[in-house]
Amino acid sequence: MAETVLFTAMKDGTREEYTLLARLEKPFLALTADRVLDELRRADEVPAPFAGGRRVFMKLAKALEHLKKLIFIRSCSINNPA
């Protein structure tokens, strides 16, 4: 049986449907920052088209590492509600 939701407008979703969506999106969210970081590393091999490009990439990489931690914390709180 496929795991799907029946609503087409967010206001019509049930708690169970949102719980299902949270569970299904968790693996994708957990890897999002890694995917972006990989792209930044690849882009770092190519000269930036503007002055200070590497500095911008490094700041973005640091922000994404922080995002990874926040996503992990959020996923833990979803799985273990207080």
C-alpha atoms as a PDB file:
ATOM      1  CA  MET A   1       0.000   0.000   0.000  1.00  0.00           C
ATOM      2  CA  ALA A   2       1.415   3.366  -1.009  1.00  0.00           C
ATOM      3  CA  GLU A   3       1.919   5.933   1.693  1.00  0.00           C
ATOM      4  CA  THR A   4       0.066   8.998   0.497  1.00  0.00           C
ATOM      5  CA  VAL A   5      -1.967  11.853   1.851  1.00  0.00           C
ATOM      6  CA  LEU A   6      -5.431  12.717   0.626  1.00  0.00           C
ATOM      7  CA  PHE A   7      -5.422  16.486   1.060  1.00  0.00           C
ATOM      8  CA  THR A   8      -4.583  18.954  -1.704  1.00  0.00           C
ATOM      9  CA  ALA A   9      -4.701  22.075   0.481  1.00  0.00           C
ATOM     10  CA  MET A  10      -2.555  22.188   3.603  1.00  0.00           C
ATOM     11  CA  LYS A  11      -5.483  23.418   5.726  1.00  0.00           C
ATOM     12  CA  ASP A  12      -7.291  20.137   4.983  1.00  0.00           C
ATOM     13  CA  GLY A  13      -4.508  17.840   6.221  1.00  0.00           C
ATOM     14  CA  THR A  14      -4.941  15.699   9.309  1.00  0.00           C
ATOM     15  CA  ARG A  15      -2.461  15.206  12.126  1.00  0.00           C
ATOM     16  CA  GLU A  16      -1.812  11.666  10.872  1.00  0.00           C
ATOM     17  CA  GLU A  17      -1.088  12.908   7.354  1.00  0.00           C
ATOM     18  CA  TYR A  18       1.342  15.527   8.626  1.00  0.00           C
ATOM     19  CA  THR A  19       3.046  12.911  10.804  1.00  0.00           C
ATOM     20  CA  LEU A  20       3.442  10.734   7.704  1.00  0.00           C
ATOM     21  CA  LEU A  21       4.857  13.642   5.689  1.00  0.00           C
ATOM     22  CA  ALA A  22       7.306  14.518   8.455  1.00  0.00           C
ATOM     23  CA  ARG A  23       8.547  10.925   8.505  1.00  0.00           C
ATOM     24  CA  LEU A  24       8.859  10.733   4.715  1.00  0.00           C
ATOM     25  CA  GLU A  25      10.653  14.067   4.355  1.00  0.00           C
ATOM     26  CA  LYS A  26      13.156  13.375   7.141  1.00  0.00           C
ATOM     27  CA  PRO A  27      15.724  11.479   4.994  1.00  0.00           C
ATOM     28  CA  PHE A  28      15.526  14.124   2.267  1.00  0.00           C
ATOM     29  CA  LEU A  29      15.962  17.010   4.709  1.00  0.00           C
ATOM     30  CA  ALA A  30      18.830  15.276   6.454  1.00  0.00           C
ATOM     31  CA  LEU A  31      20.795  15.174   3.192  1.00  0.00           C
ATOM     32  CA  THR A  32      19.896  18.609   1.806  1.00  0.00           C
ATOM     33  CA  ALA A  33      22.783  20.456   3.433  1.00  0.00           C
ATOM     34  CA  ASP A  34      25.216  17.732   2.309  1.00  0.00           C
ATOM     35  CA  ARG A  35      24.010  18.041  -1.287  1.00  0.00           C
ATOM     36  CA  VAL A  36      24.490  21.808  -1.248  1.00  0.00           C
ATOM     37  CA  LEU A  37      27.901  21.495   0.428  1.00  0.00           C
ATOM     38  CA  ASP A  38      28.986  19.016  -2.251  1.00  0.00           C
ATOM     39  CA  GLU A  39      27.965  21.501  -4.942  1.00  0.00           C
ATOM     40  CA  LEU A  40      29.868  24.270  -3.168  1.00  0.00           C
ATOM     41  CA  ARG A  41      32.979  22.109  -2.990  1.00  0.00           C
ATOM     42  CA  ARG A  42      32.708  21.388  -6.700  1.00  0.00           C
ATOM     43  CA  ALA A  43      32.147  25.080  -7.440  1.00  0.00           C
ATOM     44  CA  ASP A  44      35.216  25.925  -5.365  1.00  0.00           C
ATOM     45  CA  GLU A  45      37.312  24.117  -7.972  1.00  0.00           C
ATOM     46  CA  VAL A  46      36.180  26.648 -10.584  1.00  0.00           C
ATOM     47  CA  PRO A  47      37.330  30.275 -10.315  1.00  0.00           C
ATOM     48  CA  ALA A  48      34.551  32.444  -8.914  1.00  0.00           C
ATOM     49  CA  PRO A  49      33.137  35.011 -11.357  1.00  0.00           C
ATOM     50  CA  PHE A  50      33.431  37.785  -8.781  1.00  0.00           C
ATOM     51  CA  ALA A  51      35.966  39.070  -6.253  1.00  0.00           C
ATOM     52  CA  GLY A  52      35.747  37.364  -2.879  1.00  0.00           C
ATOM     53  CA  GLY A  53      33.834  34.398  -4.283  1.00  0.00           C
ATOM     54  CA  ARG A  54      35.625  31.855  -2.117  1.00  0.00           C
ATOM     55  CA  ARG A  55      34.796  33.848   1.005  1.00  0.00           C
ATOM     56  CA  VAL A  56      31.096  33.837   0.083  1.00  0.00           C
ATOM     57  CA  PHE A  57      31.193  30.085  -0.540  1.00  0.00           C
ATOM     58  CA  MET A  58      32.858  29.473   2.816  1.00  0.00           C
ATOM     59  CA  LYS A  59      30.260  31.557   4.674  1.00  0.00           C
ATOM     60  CA  LEU A  60      27.478  29.691   2.938  1.00  0.00           C
ATOM     61  CA  ALA A  61      29.119  26.360   3.750  1.00  0.00           C
ATOM     62  CA  LYS A  62      29.320  27.328   7.429  1.00  0.00           C
ATOM     63  CA  ALA A  63      25.646  28.344   7.411  1.00  0.00           C
ATOM     64  CA  LEU A  64      24.689  25.022   5.845  1.00  0.00           C
ATOM     65  CA  GLU A  65      26.620  23.075   8.474  1.00  0.00           C
ATOM     66  CA  HIS A  66      24.593  24.964  11.074  1.00  0.00           C
ATOM     67  CA  LEU A  67      21.407  24.108   9.160  1.00  0.00           C
ATOM     68  CA  LYS A  68      22.316  20.411   9.277  1.00  0.00           C
ATOM     69  CA  LYS A  69      22.492  20.612  13.079  1.00  0.00           C
ATOM     70  CA  LEU A  70      19.149  22.394  13.290  1.00  0.00           C
ATOM     71  CA  ILE A  71      17.472  19.815  11.035  1.00  0.00           C
ATOM     72  CA  PHE A  72      18.866  17.033  13.207  1.00  0.00           C
ATOM     73  CA  ILE A  73      17.587  18.712  16.371  1.00  0.00           C
ATOM     74  CA  ARG A  74      14.164  19.254  14.778  1.00  0.00           C
ATOM     75  CA  SER A  75      13.939  15.658  13.623  1.00  0.00           C
ATOM     76  CA  CYS A  76      14.760  14.468  17.148  1.00  0.00           C
ATOM     77  CA  SER A  77      12.027  16.658  18.614  1.00  0.00           C
ATOM     78  CA  ILE A  78       9.470  15.349  16.078  1.00  0.00           C
ATOM     79  CA  ASN A  79      10.274  11.761  16.991  1.00  0.00           C
ATOM     80  CA  ASN A  80      10.346  12.418  20.740  1.00  0.00           C
ATOM     81  CA  PRO A  81       7.687  15.016  21.533  1.00  0.00           C
ATOM     82  CA  ALA A  82       7.755  16.364  25.072  1.00  0.00           C
END
